[in-house]
PDB file of N, CA and C in Angstrom:
ATOM      1  N   UNK A   1     106.766 154.672 131.352  1.00  0.00           N
ATOM      2  CA  UNK A   1     106.733 154.914 132.786  1.00  0.00           C
ATOM      3  C   UNK A   1     107.097 153.616 133.514  1.00  0.00           C
ATOM      4  N   UNK A   2     108.013 153.707 134.461  1.00  0.00           N
ATOM      5  CA  UNK A   2     108.420 152.500 135.176  1.00  0.00           C
ATOM      6  C   UNK A   2     107.451 152.200 136.317  1.00  0.00           C
ATOM      7  N   UNK A   3     107.339 150.925 136.618  1.00  0.00           N
ATOM      8  CA  UNK A   3     106.459 150.478 137.690  1.00  0.00           C
ATOM      9  C   UNK A   3     107.138 150.684 139.035  1.00  0.00           C
ATOM     10  N   UNK A   4     106.347 150.836 140.099  1.00  0.00           N
ATOM     11  CA  UNK A   4     106.911 151.057 141.428  1.00  0.00           C
ATOM     12  C   UNK A   4     107.763 149.880 141.913  1.00  0.00           C
ATOM     13  N   UNK A   5     108.701 150.199 142.780  1.00  0.00           N
ATOM     14  CA  UNK A   5     109.517 149.191 143.449  1.00  0.00           C
ATOM     15  C   UNK A   5     108.778 148.802 144.727  1.00  0.00           C
ATOM     16  N   UNK A   6     108.595 147.502 144.951  1.00  0.00           N
ATOM     17  CA  UNK A   6     107.767 147.003 146.055  1.00  0.00           C
ATOM     18  C   UNK A   6     108.638 146.298 147.085  1.00  0.00           C
ATOM     19  N   UNK A   7     108.385 146.615 148.354  1.00  0.00           N
ATOM     20  CA  UNK A   7     109.052 145.934 149.459  1.00  0.00           C
ATOM     21  C   UNK A   7     108.142 144.818 149.954  1.00  0.00           C
ATOM     22  N   UNK A   8     108.636 143.571 149.891  1.00  0.00           N
ATOM     23  CA  UNK A   8     107.901 142.389 150.328  1.00  0.00           C
ATOM     24  C   UNK A   8     108.468 141.944 151.667  1.00  0.00           C
ATOM     25  N   UNK A   9     107.593 141.810 152.677  1.00  0.00           N
ATOM     26  CA  UNK A   9     108.028 141.463 154.024  1.00  0.00           C
ATOM     27  C   UNK A   9     107.257 140.231 154.494  1.00  0.00           C
ATOM     28  N   UNK A  10     107.980 139.140 154.715  1.00  0.00           N
ATOM     29  CA  UNK A  10     107.352 137.912 155.219  1.00  0.00           C
ATOM     30  C   UNK A  10     108.443 137.057 155.849  1.00  0.00           C
ATOM     31  N   UNK A  11     108.126 136.443 156.985  1.00  0.00           N
ATOM     32  CA  UNK A  11     109.128 135.616 157.654  1.00  0.00           C
ATOM     33  C   UNK A  11     109.261 134.234 157.030  1.00  0.00           C
ATOM     34  N   UNK A  12     108.396 133.886 156.103  1.00  0.00           N
ATOM     35  CA  UNK A  12     108.504 132.622 155.387  1.00  0.00           C
ATOM     36  C   UNK A  12     109.323 132.829 154.110  1.00  0.00           C
ATOM     37  N   UNK A  13     110.541 132.267 154.055  1.00  0.00           N
ATOM     38  CA  UNK A  13     111.362 132.463 152.852  1.00  0.00           C
ATOM     39  C   UNK A  13     110.676 131.978 151.570  1.00  0.00           C
ATOM     40  N   UNK A  14     109.974 130.858 151.632  1.00  0.00           N
ATOM     41  CA  UNK A  14     109.344 130.338 150.417  1.00  0.00           C
ATOM     42  C   UNK A  14     108.204 131.248 149.955  1.00  0.00           C
ATOM     43  N   UNK A  15     107.417 131.762 150.863  1.00  0.00           N
ATOM     44  CA  UNK A  15     106.327 132.657 150.477  1.00  0.00           C
ATOM     45  C   UNK A  15     106.890 133.986 149.979  1.00  0.00           C
ATOM     46  N   UNK A  16     107.927 134.480 150.638  1.00  0.00           N
ATOM     47  CA  UNK A  16     108.570 135.719 150.209  1.00  0.00           C
ATOM     48  C   UNK A  16     109.101 135.572 148.783  1.00  0.00           C
ATOM     49  N   UNK A  17     109.732 134.433 148.475  1.00  0.00           N
ATOM     50  CA  UNK A  17     110.244 134.185 147.112  1.00  0.00           C
ATOM     51  C   UNK A  17     109.100 134.102 146.101  1.00  0.00           C
ATOM     52  N   UNK A  18     108.009 133.423 146.469  1.00  0.00           N
ATOM     53  CA  UNK A  18     106.861 133.291 145.559  1.00  0.00           C
ATOM     54  C   UNK A  18     106.249 134.663 145.264  1.00  0.00           C
ATOM     55  N   UNK A  19     106.055 135.463 146.300  1.00  0.00           N
ATOM     56  CA  UNK A  19     105.487 136.806 146.105  1.00  0.00           C
ATOM     57  C   UNK A  19     106.419 137.636 145.226  1.00  0.00           C
ATOM     58  N   UNK A  20     107.709 137.594 145.541  1.00  0.00           N
ATOM     59  CA  UNK A  20     108.684 138.340 144.737  1.00  0.00           C
ATOM     60  C   UNK A  20     108.690 137.912 143.288  1.00  0.00           C
ATOM     61  N   UNK A  21     108.631 136.609 143.050  1.00  0.00           N
ATOM     62  CA  UNK A  21     108.619 136.098 141.671  1.00  0.00           C
ATOM     63  C   UNK A  21     107.379 136.571 140.916  1.00  0.00           C
ATOM     64  N   UNK A  22     106.234 136.550 141.567  1.00  0.00           N
ATOM     65  CA  UNK A  22     104.990 137.021 140.921  1.00  0.00           C
ATOM     66  C   UNK A  22     105.092 138.493 140.552  1.00  0.00           C
ATOM     67  N   UNK A  23     105.582 139.282 141.488  1.00  0.00           N
ATOM     68  CA  UNK A  23     105.688 140.721 141.246  1.00  0.00           C
ATOM     69  C   UNK A  23     106.708 141.027 140.157  1.00  0.00           C
ATOM     70  N   UNK A  24     107.836 140.327 140.182  1.00  0.00           N
ATOM     71  CA  UNK A  24     108.842 140.536 139.131  1.00  0.00           C
ATOM     72  C   UNK A  24     108.287 140.156 137.763  1.00  0.00           C
ATOM     73  N   UNK A  25     107.538 139.059 137.710  1.00  0.00           N
ATOM     74  CA  UNK A  25     106.918 138.640 136.448  1.00  0.00           C
ATOM     75  C   UNK A  25     105.943 139.696 135.937  1.00  0.00           C
ATOM     76  N   UNK A  26     105.354 140.451 136.867  1.00  0.00           N
ATOM     77  CA  UNK A  26     104.446 141.533 136.497  1.00  0.00           C
ATOM     78  C   UNK A  26     105.165 142.824 136.156  1.00  0.00           C
ATOM     79  N   UNK A  27     106.494 142.809 136.202  1.00  0.00           N
ATOM     80  CA  UNK A  27     107.272 143.975 135.824  1.00  0.00           C
ATOM     81  C   UNK A  27     107.707 144.884 136.963  1.00  0.00           C
ATOM     82  N   UNK A  28     107.376 144.507 138.191  1.00  0.00           N
ATOM     83  CA  UNK A  28     107.730 145.337 139.338  1.00  0.00           C
ATOM     84  C   UNK A  28     109.146 145.037 139.819  1.00  0.00           C
ATOM     85  N   UNK A  29     109.809 146.052 140.332  1.00  0.00           N
ATOM     86  CA  UNK A  29     111.046 145.856 141.059  1.00  0.00           C
ATOM     87  C   UNK A  29     110.685 145.384 142.454  1.00  0.00           C
ATOM     88  N   UNK A  30     111.509 144.532 143.041  1.00  0.00           N
ATOM     89  CA  UNK A  30     111.188 143.950 144.339  1.00  0.00           C
ATOM     90  C   UNK A  30     112.417 143.940 145.237  1.00  0.00           C
ATOM     91  N   UNK A  31     112.210 144.331 146.486  1.00  0.00           N
ATOM     92  CA  UNK A  31     113.170 144.117 147.564  1.00  0.00           C
ATOM     93  C   UNK A  31     112.459 143.275 148.601  1.00  0.00           C
ATOM     94  N   UNK A  32     113.222 142.473 149.343  1.00  0.00           N
ATOM     95  CA  UNK A  32     112.625 141.556 150.313  1.00  0.00           C
ATOM     96  C   UNK A  32     113.226 141.756 151.692  1.00  0.00           C
ATOM     97  N   UNK A  33     112.373 141.570 152.701  1.00  0.00           N
ATOM     98  CA  UNK A  33     112.794 141.626 154.096  1.00  0.00           C
ATOM     99  C   UNK A  33     112.159 140.454 154.823  1.00  0.00           C
ATOM    100  N   UNK A  34     112.915 139.867 155.758  1.00  0.00           N
ATOM    101  CA  UNK A  34     112.451 138.683 156.477  1.00  0.00           C
ATOM    102  C   UNK A  34     111.577 139.017 157.678  1.00  0.00           C
ATOM    103  N   UNK A  35     111.571 140.278 158.099  1.00  0.00           N
ATOM    104  CA  UNK A  35     110.725 140.672 159.236  1.00  0.00           C
ATOM    105  C   UNK A  35     110.554 142.189 159.239  1.00  0.00           C
ATOM    106  N   UNK A  36     109.747 142.660 160.164  1.00  0.00           N
ATOM    107  CA  UNK A  36     109.455 144.084 160.222  1.00  0.00           C
ATOM    108  C   UNK A  36     110.661 144.934 160.558  1.00  0.00           C
ATOM    109  N   UNK A  37     111.562 144.420 161.389  1.00  0.00           N
ATOM    110  CA  UNK A  37     112.759 145.181 161.750  1.00  0.00           C
ATOM    111  C   UNK A  37     113.649 145.406 160.525  1.00  0.00           C
ATOM    112  N   UNK A  38     113.848 144.347 159.738  1.00  0.00           N
ATOM    113  CA  UNK A  38     114.639 144.476 158.515  1.00  0.00           C
ATOM    114  C   UNK A  38     113.960 145.423 157.527  1.00  0.00           C
ATOM    115  N   UNK A  39     112.636 145.340 157.441  1.00  0.00           N
ATOM    116  CA  UNK A  39     111.882 146.214 156.537  1.00  0.00           C
ATOM    117  C   UNK A  39     112.021 147.681 156.946  1.00  0.00           C
ATOM    118  N   UNK A  40     111.954 147.959 158.246  1.00  0.00           N
ATOM    119  CA  UNK A  40     112.119 149.335 158.706  1.00  0.00           C
ATOM    120  C   UNK A  40     113.498 149.872 158.342  1.00  0.00           C
ATOM    121  N   UNK A  41     114.526 149.045 158.510  1.00  0.00           N
ATOM    122  CA  UNK A  41     115.877 149.463 158.160  1.00  0.00           C
ATOM    123  C   UNK A  41     115.971 149.776 156.659  1.00  0.00           C
ATOM    124  N   UNK A  42     115.386 148.932 155.827  1.00  0.00           N
ATOM    125  CA  UNK A  42     115.395 149.174 154.377  1.00  0.00           C
ATOM    126  C   UNK A  42     114.630 150.445 154.028  1.00  0.00           C
ATOM    127  N   UNK A  43     113.507 150.654 154.703  1.00  0.00           N
ATOM    128  CA  UNK A  43     112.649 151.808 154.409  1.00  0.00           C
ATOM    129  C   UNK A  43     113.306 153.125 154.815  1.00  0.00           C
ATOM    130  N   UNK A  44     114.268 153.077 155.733  1.00  0.00           N
ATOM    131  CA  UNK A  44     114.998 154.285 156.097  1.00  0.00           C
ATOM    132  C   UNK A  44     115.988 154.685 155.019  1.00  0.00           C
ATOM    133  N   UNK A  45     116.449 153.706 154.238  1.00  0.00           N
ATOM    134  CA  UNK A  45     117.437 153.956 153.191  1.00  0.00           C
ATOM    135  C   UNK A  45     116.820 154.285 151.836  1.00  0.00           C
ATOM    136  N   UNK A  46     115.578 153.872 151.629  1.00  0.00           N
ATOM    137  CA  UNK A  46     114.919 154.082 150.335  1.00  0.00           C
ATOM    138  C   UNK A  46     113.424 154.215 150.553  1.00  0.00           C
ATOM    139  N   UNK A  47     112.764 154.867 149.626  1.00  0.00           N
ATOM    140  CA  UNK A  47     111.308 154.944 149.685  1.00  0.00           C
ATOM    141  C   UNK A  47     110.757 154.008 148.619  1.00  0.00           C
ATOM    142  N   UNK A  48     109.939 153.073 149.050  1.00  0.00           N
ATOM    143  CA  UNK A  48     109.348 152.095 148.153  1.00  0.00           C
ATOM    144  C   UNK A  48     107.994 152.597 147.672  1.00  0.00           C
ATOM    145  N   UNK A  49     107.587 152.128 146.493  1.00  0.00           N
ATOM    146  CA  UNK A  49     106.311 152.539 145.915  1.00  0.00           C
ATOM    147  C   UNK A  49     105.135 151.770 146.461  1.00  0.00           C
ATOM    148  N   UNK A  50     105.418 150.666 147.181  1.00  0.00           N
ATOM    149  CA  UNK A  50     104.362 149.855 147.791  1.00  0.00           C
ATOM    150  C   UNK A  50     105.010 148.931 148.801  1.00  0.00           C
ATOM    151  N   UNK A  51     104.205 148.534 149.785  1.00  0.00           N
ATOM    152  CA  UNK A  51     104.612 147.564 150.790  1.00  0.00           C
ATOM    153  C   UNK A  51     103.632 146.404 150.765  1.00  0.00           C
ATOM    154  N   UNK A  52     104.154 145.179 150.718  1.00  0.00           N
ATOM    155  CA  UNK A  52     103.337 143.961 150.870  1.00  0.00           C
ATOM    156  C   UNK A  52     103.909 143.250 152.086  1.00  0.00           C
ATOM    157  N   UNK A  53     103.119 143.156 153.166  1.00  0.00           N
ATOM    158  CA  UNK A  53     103.648 142.610 154.398  1.00  0.00           C
ATOM    159  C   UNK A  53     102.744 141.576 155.046  1.00  0.00           C
ATOM    160  N   UNK A  54     103.386 140.583 155.617  1.00  0.00           N
ATOM    161  CA  UNK A  54     102.706 139.605 156.451  1.00  0.00           C
ATOM    162  C   UNK A  54     102.282 140.314 157.728  1.00  0.00           C
ATOM    163  N   UNK A  55     101.252 139.786 158.376  1.00  0.00           N
ATOM    164  CA  UNK A  55     100.809 140.367 159.634  1.00  0.00           C
ATOM    165  C   UNK A  55     101.630 139.818 160.802  1.00  0.00           C
ATOM    166  N   UNK A  56     101.681 138.492 160.917  1.00  0.00           N
ATOM    167  CA  UNK A  56     102.310 137.859 162.069  1.00  0.00           C
ATOM    168  C   UNK A  56     103.755 137.488 161.725  1.00  0.00           C
ATOM    169  N   UNK A  57     104.698 138.170 162.409  1.00  0.00           N
ATOM    170  CA  UNK A  57     106.123 137.912 162.234  1.00  0.00           C
ATOM    171  C   UNK A  57     106.793 138.107 163.588  1.00  0.00           C
ATOM    172  N   UNK A  58     107.935 137.463 163.776  1.00  0.00           N
ATOM    173  CA  UNK A  58     108.678 137.713 165.010  1.00  0.00           C
ATOM    174  C   UNK A  58     109.214 139.143 165.025  1.00  0.00           C
ATOM    175  N   UNK A  59     109.422 139.684 166.210  1.00  0.00           N
ATOM    176  CA  UNK A  59     109.897 141.063 166.309  1.00  0.00           C
ATOM    177  C   UNK A  59     108.787 142.024 165.939  1.00  0.00           C
ATOM    178  N   UNK A  60     109.086 142.947 165.068  1.00  0.00           N
ATOM    179  CA  UNK A  60     108.095 143.932 164.626  1.00  0.00           C
ATOM    180  C   UNK A  60     107.110 143.264 163.674  1.00  0.00           C
ATOM    181  N   UNK A  61     105.839 143.184 164.080  1.00  0.00           N
ATOM    182  CA  UNK A  61     104.827 142.550 163.235  1.00  0.00           C
ATOM    183  C   UNK A  61     104.350 143.520 162.151  1.00  0.00           C
ATOM    184  N   UNK A  62     103.516 143.003 161.258  1.00  0.00           N
ATOM    185  CA  UNK A  62     103.052 143.804 160.132  1.00  0.00           C
ATOM    186  C   UNK A  62     102.223 145.012 160.526  1.00  0.00           C
ATOM    187  N   UNK A  63     101.394 144.885 161.553  1.00  0.00           N
ATOM    188  CA  UNK A  63     100.587 146.021 161.996  1.00  0.00           C
ATOM    189  C   UNK A  63     101.476 147.140 162.514  1.00  0.00           C
ATOM    190  N   UNK A  64     102.454 146.784 163.327  1.00  0.00           N
ATOM    191  CA  UNK A  64     103.380 147.782 163.873  1.00  0.00           C
ATOM    192  C   UNK A  64     104.217 148.398 162.757  1.00  0.00           C
ATOM    193  N   UNK A  65     104.659 147.569 161.821  1.00  0.00           N
ATOM    194  CA  UNK A  65     105.429 148.062 160.681  1.00  0.00           C
ATOM    195  C   UNK A  65     104.640 149.115 159.909  1.00  0.00           C
ATOM    196  N   UNK A  66     103.399 148.820 159.606  1.00  0.00           N
ATOM    197  CA  UNK A  66     102.577 149.775 158.856  1.00  0.00           C
ATOM    198  C   UNK A  66     102.383 151.061 159.655  1.00  0.00           C
ATOM    199  N   UNK A  67     102.080 150.942 160.945  1.00  0.00           N
ATOM    200  CA  UNK A  67     101.898 152.146 161.769  1.00  0.00           C
ATOM    201  C   UNK A  67     103.166 153.007 161.772  1.00  0.00           C
ATOM    202  N   UNK A  68     104.327 152.375 161.925  1.00  0.00           N
ATOM    203  CA  UNK A  68     105.583 153.125 161.955  1.00  0.00           C
ATOM    204  C   UNK A  68     105.858 153.801 160.618  1.00  0.00           C
ATOM    205  N   UNK A  69     105.610 153.093 159.517  1.00  0.00           N
ATOM    206  CA  UNK A  69     105.846 153.696 158.205  1.00  0.00           C
ATOM    207  C   UNK A  69     104.850 154.812 157.915  1.00  0.00           C
ATOM    208  N   UNK A  70     103.605 154.628 158.307  1.00  0.00           N
ATOM    209  CA  UNK A  70     102.603 155.677 158.086  1.00  0.00           C
ATOM    210  C   UNK A  70     102.962 156.957 158.831  1.00  0.00           C
ATOM    211  N   UNK A  71     103.742 156.835 159.900  1.00  0.00           N
ATOM    212  CA  UNK A  71     104.184 158.005 160.648  1.00  0.00           C
ATOM    213  C   UNK A  71     105.276 158.800 159.947  1.00  0.00           C
ATOM    214  N   UNK A  72     105.809 158.275 158.876  1.00  0.00           N
ATOM    215  CA  UNK A  72     106.846 158.953 158.100  1.00  0.00           C
ATOM    216  C   UNK A  72     106.202 159.614 156.882  1.00  0.00           C
ATOM    217  N   UNK A  73     106.536 160.857 156.644  1.00  0.00           N
ATOM    218  CA  UNK A  73     105.932 161.606 155.540  1.00  0.00           C
ATOM    219  C   UNK A  73     106.089 160.885 154.203  1.00  0.00           C
ATOM    220  N   UNK A  74     107.239 160.242 153.982  1.00  0.00           N
ATOM    221  CA  UNK A  74     107.499 159.577 152.704  1.00  0.00           C
ATOM    222  C   UNK A  74     106.554 158.401 152.463  1.00  0.00           C
ATOM    223  N   UNK A  75     105.941 157.876 153.510  1.00  0.00           N
ATOM    224  CA  UNK A  75     105.070 156.707 153.379  1.00  0.00           C
ATOM    225  C   UNK A  75     103.601 157.013 153.656  1.00  0.00           C
ATOM    226  N   UNK A  76     103.262 158.267 153.803  1.00  0.00           N
ATOM    227  CA  UNK A  76     101.884 158.631 154.144  1.00  0.00           C
ATOM    228  C   UNK A  76     100.876 158.151 153.099  1.00  0.00           C
ATOM    229  N   UNK A  77     101.251 158.176 151.831  1.00  0.00           N
ATOM    230  CA  UNK A  77     100.314 157.813 150.765  1.00  0.00           C
ATOM    231  C   UNK A  77     100.716 156.546 150.010  1.00  0.00           C
ATOM    232  N   UNK A  78     101.728 155.838 150.490  1.00  0.00           N
ATOM    233  CA  UNK A  78     102.197 154.627 149.812  1.00  0.00           C
ATOM    234  C   UNK A  78     101.214 153.484 150.067  1.00  0.00           C
ATOM    235  N   UNK A  79     100.761 152.788 149.023  1.00  0.00           N
ATOM    236  CA  UNK A  79      99.862 151.650 149.234  1.00  0.00           C
ATOM    237  C   UNK A  79     100.541 150.547 150.051  1.00  0.00           C
ATOM    238  N   UNK A  80      99.797 149.991 151.004  1.00  0.00           N
ATOM    239  CA  UNK A  80     100.315 148.927 151.859  1.00  0.00           C
ATOM    240  C   UNK A  80      99.302 147.792 151.920  1.00  0.00           C
ATOM    241  N   UNK A  81      99.727 146.614 151.476  1.00  0.00           N
ATOM    242  CA  UNK A  81      98.874 145.435 151.427  1.00  0.00           C
ATOM    243  C   UNK A  81      99.250 144.488 152.556  1.00  0.00           C
ATOM    244  N   UNK A  82      98.278 144.173 153.415  1.00  0.00           N
ATOM    245  CA  UNK A  82      98.485 143.260 154.540  1.00  0.00           C
ATOM    246  C   UNK A  82      98.092 141.852 154.116  1.00  0.00           C
ATOM    247  N   UNK A  83      98.964 140.877 154.432  1.00  0.00           N
ATOM    248  CA  UNK A  83      98.695 139.466 154.186  1.00  0.00           C
ATOM    249  C   UNK A  83      98.538 138.775 155.533  1.00  0.00           C
ATOM    250  N   UNK A  84      97.548 137.885 155.660  1.00  0.00           N
ATOM    251  CA  UNK A  84      97.390 137.193 156.943  1.00  0.00           C
ATOM    252  C   UNK A  84      96.593 135.911 156.784  1.00  0.00           C
ATOM    253  N   UNK A  85      96.975 134.905 157.586  1.00  0.00           N
ATOM    254  CA  UNK A  85      96.174 133.682 157.660  1.00  0.00           C
ATOM    255  C   UNK A  85      94.966 133.915 158.540  1.00  0.00           C
ATOM    256  N   UNK A  86      95.033 134.936 159.392  1.00  0.00           N
ATOM    257  CA  UNK A  86      93.901 135.313 160.229  1.00  0.00           C
ATOM    258  C   UNK A  86      93.090 136.338 159.443  1.00  0.00           C
ATOM    259  N   UNK A  87      91.928 135.934 158.948  1.00  0.00           N
ATOM    260  CA  UNK A  87      91.217 136.805 158.015  1.00  0.00           C
ATOM    261  C   UNK A  87      89.823 137.202 158.489  1.00  0.00           C
ATOM    262  N   UNK A  88      89.546 137.074 159.792  1.00  0.00           N
ATOM    263  CA  UNK A  88      88.216 137.460 160.254  1.00  0.00           C
ATOM    264  C   UNK A  88      88.061 138.980 160.232  1.00  0.00           C
ATOM    265  N   UNK A  89      86.861 139.460 160.446  1.00  0.00           N
ATOM    266  CA  UNK A  89      86.578 140.890 160.316  1.00  0.00           C
ATOM    267  C   UNK A  89      87.358 141.722 161.331  1.00  0.00           C
ATOM    268  N   UNK A  90      87.631 141.182 162.508  1.00  0.00           N
ATOM    269  CA  UNK A  90      88.385 141.928 163.514  1.00  0.00           C
ATOM    270  C   UNK A  90      89.824 142.173 163.048  1.00  0.00           C
ATOM    271  N   UNK A  91      90.444 141.153 162.475  1.00  0.00           N
ATOM    272  CA  UNK A  91      91.814 141.289 161.976  1.00  0.00           C
ATOM    273  C   UNK A  91      91.851 142.262 160.802  1.00  0.00           C
ATOM    274  N   UNK A  92      90.876 142.177 159.932  1.00  0.00           N
ATOM    275  CA  UNK A  92      90.817 143.105 158.795  1.00  0.00           C
ATOM    276  C   UNK A  92      90.659 144.548 159.283  1.00  0.00           C
ATOM    277  N   UNK A  93      89.861 144.740 160.316  1.00  0.00           N
ATOM    278  CA  UNK A  93      89.660 146.080 160.871  1.00  0.00           C
ATOM    279  C   UNK A  93      90.946 146.584 161.530  1.00  0.00           C
ATOM    280  N   UNK A  94      91.657 145.713 162.235  1.00  0.00           N
ATOM    281  CA  UNK A  94      92.938 146.106 162.840  1.00  0.00           C
ATOM    282  C   UNK A  94      93.921 146.554 161.756  1.00  0.00           C
ATOM    283  N   UNK A  95      93.942 145.848 160.653  1.00  0.00           N
ATOM    284  CA  UNK A  95      94.825 146.216 159.542  1.00  0.00           C
ATOM    285  C   UNK A  95      94.432 147.579 158.975  1.00  0.00           C
ATOM    286  N   UNK A  96      93.145 147.787 158.801  1.00  0.00           N
ATOM    287  CA  UNK A  96      92.670 149.062 158.264  1.00  0.00           C
ATOM    288  C   UNK A  96      93.033 150.214 159.194  1.00  0.00           C
ATOM    289  N   UNK A  97      92.795 150.026 160.480  1.00  0.00           N
ATOM    290  CA  UNK A  97      93.097 151.069 161.460  1.00  0.00           C
ATOM    291  C   UNK A  97      94.598 151.356 161.510  1.00  0.00           C
ATOM    292  N   UNK A  98      95.421 150.334 161.362  1.00  0.00           N
ATOM    293  CA  UNK A  98      96.879 150.519 161.370  1.00  0.00           C
ATOM    294  C   UNK A  98      97.348 151.314 160.153  1.00  0.00           C
ATOM    295  N   UNK A  99      96.548 151.303 159.083  1.00  0.00           N
ATOM    296  CA  UNK A  99      96.911 152.057 157.883  1.00  0.00           C
ATOM    297  C   UNK A  99      97.053 151.226 156.629  1.00  0.00           C
ATOM    298  N   UNK A 100      96.677 149.939 156.698  1.00  0.00           N
ATOM    299  CA  UNK A 100      96.748 149.103 155.502  1.00  0.00           C
ATOM    300  C   UNK A 100      95.767 149.610 154.451  1.00  0.00           C
ATOM    301  N   UNK A 101      96.211 149.622 153.210  1.00  0.00           N
ATOM    302  CA  UNK A 101      95.361 150.046 152.094  1.00  0.00           C
ATOM    303  C   UNK A 101      94.495 148.904 151.591  1.00  0.00           C
ATOM    304  N   UNK A 102      94.956 147.665 151.828  1.00  0.00           N
ATOM    305  CA  UNK A 102      94.244 146.485 151.371  1.00  0.00           C
ATOM    306  C   UNK A 102      94.618 145.286 152.228  1.00  0.00           C
ATOM    307  N   UNK A 103      93.878 144.205 152.044  1.00  0.00           N
ATOM    308  CA  UNK A 103      94.057 142.994 152.851  1.00  0.00           C
ATOM    309  C   UNK A 103      93.857 141.791 151.954  1.00  0.00           C
ATOM    310  N   UNK A 104      94.738 140.806 152.091  1.00  0.00           N
ATOM    311  CA  UNK A 104      94.630 139.581 151.314  1.00  0.00           C
ATOM    312  C   UNK A 104      94.833 138.407 152.260  1.00  0.00           C
ATOM    313  N   UNK A 105      93.850 137.502 152.287  1.00  0.00           N
ATOM    314  CA  UNK A 105      93.914 136.342 153.167  1.00  0.00           C
ATOM    315  C   UNK A 105      94.800 135.262 152.557  1.00  0.00           C
ATOM    316  N   UNK A 106      95.635 134.662 153.396  1.00  0.00           N
ATOM    317  CA  UNK A 106      96.433 133.503 153.003  1.00  0.00           C
ATOM    318  C   UNK A 106      95.603 132.251 153.231  1.00  0.00           C
ATOM    319  N   UNK A 107      95.724 131.249 152.419  1.00  0.00           N
ATOM    320  CA  UNK A 107      96.536 131.211 151.200  1.00  0.00           C
ATOM    321  C   UNK A 107      95.851 131.962 150.062  1.00  0.00           C
ATOM    322  N   UNK A 108      96.636 132.446 149.144  1.00  0.00           N
ATOM    323  CA  UNK A 108      96.129 133.137 147.958  1.00  0.00           C
ATOM    324  C   UNK A 108      96.895 132.612 146.764  1.00  0.00           C
ATOM    325  N   UNK A 109      96.318 132.807 145.586  1.00  0.00           N
ATOM    326  CA  UNK A 109      97.041 132.382 144.388  1.00  0.00           C
ATOM    327  C   UNK A 109      97.673 133.619 143.732  1.00  0.00           C
ATOM    328  N   UNK A 110      98.619 133.412 142.844  1.00  0.00           N
ATOM    329  CA  UNK A 110      99.317 134.542 142.219  1.00  0.00           C
ATOM    330  C   UNK A 110      98.383 135.540 141.535  1.00  0.00           C
ATOM    331  N   UNK A 111      97.306 135.065 140.931  1.00  0.00           N
ATOM    332  CA  UNK A 111      96.373 135.989 140.276  1.00  0.00           C
ATOM    333  C   UNK A 111      95.714 136.915 141.286  1.00  0.00           C
ATOM    334  N   UNK A 112      95.344 136.381 142.457  1.00  0.00           N
ATOM    335  CA  UNK A 112      94.742 137.213 143.505  1.00  0.00           C
ATOM    336  C   UNK A 112      95.733 138.273 143.977  1.00  0.00           C
ATOM    337  N   UNK A 113      96.982 137.861 144.166  1.00  0.00           N
ATOM    338  CA  UNK A 113      98.009 138.797 144.599  1.00  0.00           C
ATOM    339  C   UNK A 113      98.169 139.923 143.585  1.00  0.00           C
ATOM    340  N   UNK A 114      98.315 139.570 142.321  1.00  0.00           N
ATOM    341  CA  UNK A 114      98.534 140.583 141.291  1.00  0.00           C
ATOM    342  C   UNK A 114      97.322 141.499 141.141  1.00  0.00           C
ATOM    343  N   UNK A 115      96.132 140.945 141.264  1.00  0.00           N
ATOM    344  CA  UNK A 115      94.928 141.778 141.199  1.00  0.00           C
ATOM    345  C   UNK A 115      94.911 142.789 142.338  1.00  0.00           C
ATOM    346  N   UNK A 116      95.246 142.346 143.555  1.00  0.00           N
ATOM    347  CA  UNK A 116      95.259 143.246 144.709  1.00  0.00           C
ATOM    348  C   UNK A 116      96.329 144.325 144.557  1.00  0.00           C
ATOM    349  N   UNK A 117      97.523 143.938 144.126  1.00  0.00           N
ATOM    350  CA  UNK A 117      98.610 144.894 143.948  1.00  0.00           C
ATOM    351  C   UNK A 117      98.244 145.905 142.864  1.00  0.00           C
ATOM    352  N   UNK A 118      97.783 145.429 141.725  1.00  0.00           N
ATOM    353  CA  UNK A 118      97.429 146.331 140.629  1.00  0.00           C
ATOM    354  C   UNK A 118      96.290 147.266 141.014  1.00  0.00           C
ATOM    355  N   UNK A 119      95.330 146.766 141.770  1.00  0.00           N
ATOM    356  CA  UNK A 119      94.198 147.601 142.192  1.00  0.00           C
ATOM    357  C   UNK A 119      94.664 148.727 143.120  1.00  0.00           C
ATOM    358  N   UNK A 120      95.598 148.417 144.012  1.00  0.00           N
ATOM    359  CA  UNK A 120      96.077 149.432 144.934  1.00  0.00           C
ATOM    360  C   UNK A 120      96.979 150.461 144.228  1.00  0.00           C
ATOM    361  N   UNK A 121      97.722 150.021 143.238  1.00  0.00           N
ATOM    362  CA  UNK A 121      98.623 150.923 142.538  1.00  0.00           C
ATOM    363  C   UNK A 121      97.939 151.723 141.435  1.00  0.00           C
ATOM    364  N   UNK A 122      96.956 151.130 140.790  1.00  0.00           N
ATOM    365  CA  UNK A 122      96.237 151.816 139.720  1.00  0.00           C
ATOM    366  C   UNK A 122      94.848 151.213 139.567  1.00  0.00           C
ATOM    367  N   UNK A 123      93.882 151.703 140.350  1.00  0.00           N
ATOM    368  CA  UNK A 123      92.537 151.125 140.311  1.00  0.00           C
ATOM    369  C   UNK A 123      91.904 151.109 138.932  1.00  0.00           C
ATOM    370  N   UNK A 124      92.329 151.993 138.020  1.00  0.00           N
ATOM    371  CA  UNK A 124      91.721 152.035 136.685  1.00  0.00           C
ATOM    372  C   UNK A 124      92.099 150.817 135.834  1.00  0.00           C
ATOM    373  N   UNK A 125      93.151 150.083 136.239  1.00  0.00           N
ATOM    374  CA  UNK A 125      93.601 148.925 135.461  1.00  0.00           C
ATOM    375  C   UNK A 125      92.915 147.621 135.865  1.00  0.00           C
ATOM    376  N   UNK A 126      92.072 147.676 136.872  1.00  0.00           N
ATOM    377  CA  UNK A 126      91.412 146.458 137.369  1.00  0.00           C
ATOM    378  C   UNK A 126      89.969 146.473 136.917  1.00  0.00           C
ATOM    379  N   UNK A 127      89.567 145.347 136.323  1.00  0.00           N
ATOM    380  CA  UNK A 127      88.231 145.207 135.770  1.00  0.00           C
ATOM    381  C   UNK A 127      87.175 145.263 136.783  1.00  0.00           C
TER     382      UNK A 127
END
């Protein structure tokens, strides 16, 4: 069985590359977008098995991106992981209300990222 293809959205090229490299090392297919507008355009052309998105980006931010994708039938049940340097309970609640399946505070290490992704995609594989 092949692993899901994941769309990574972050306005930081270095962080986007690091996230993509971690996911690829874990066997996932990865597409990358520099902001929410680019991610929406990609999501119209293909359905991804998961979304990993930054919260704060120019143009369409991560919260708006998740809300827009959740409004599409193809993305109603797709796991969506929100990343943010703002990690207080209010921000986490905003992410949850927008439709995020999970939340990961920046900075994070690759093991934390992979644990969060694996838990959202297959909770039975996480200890």
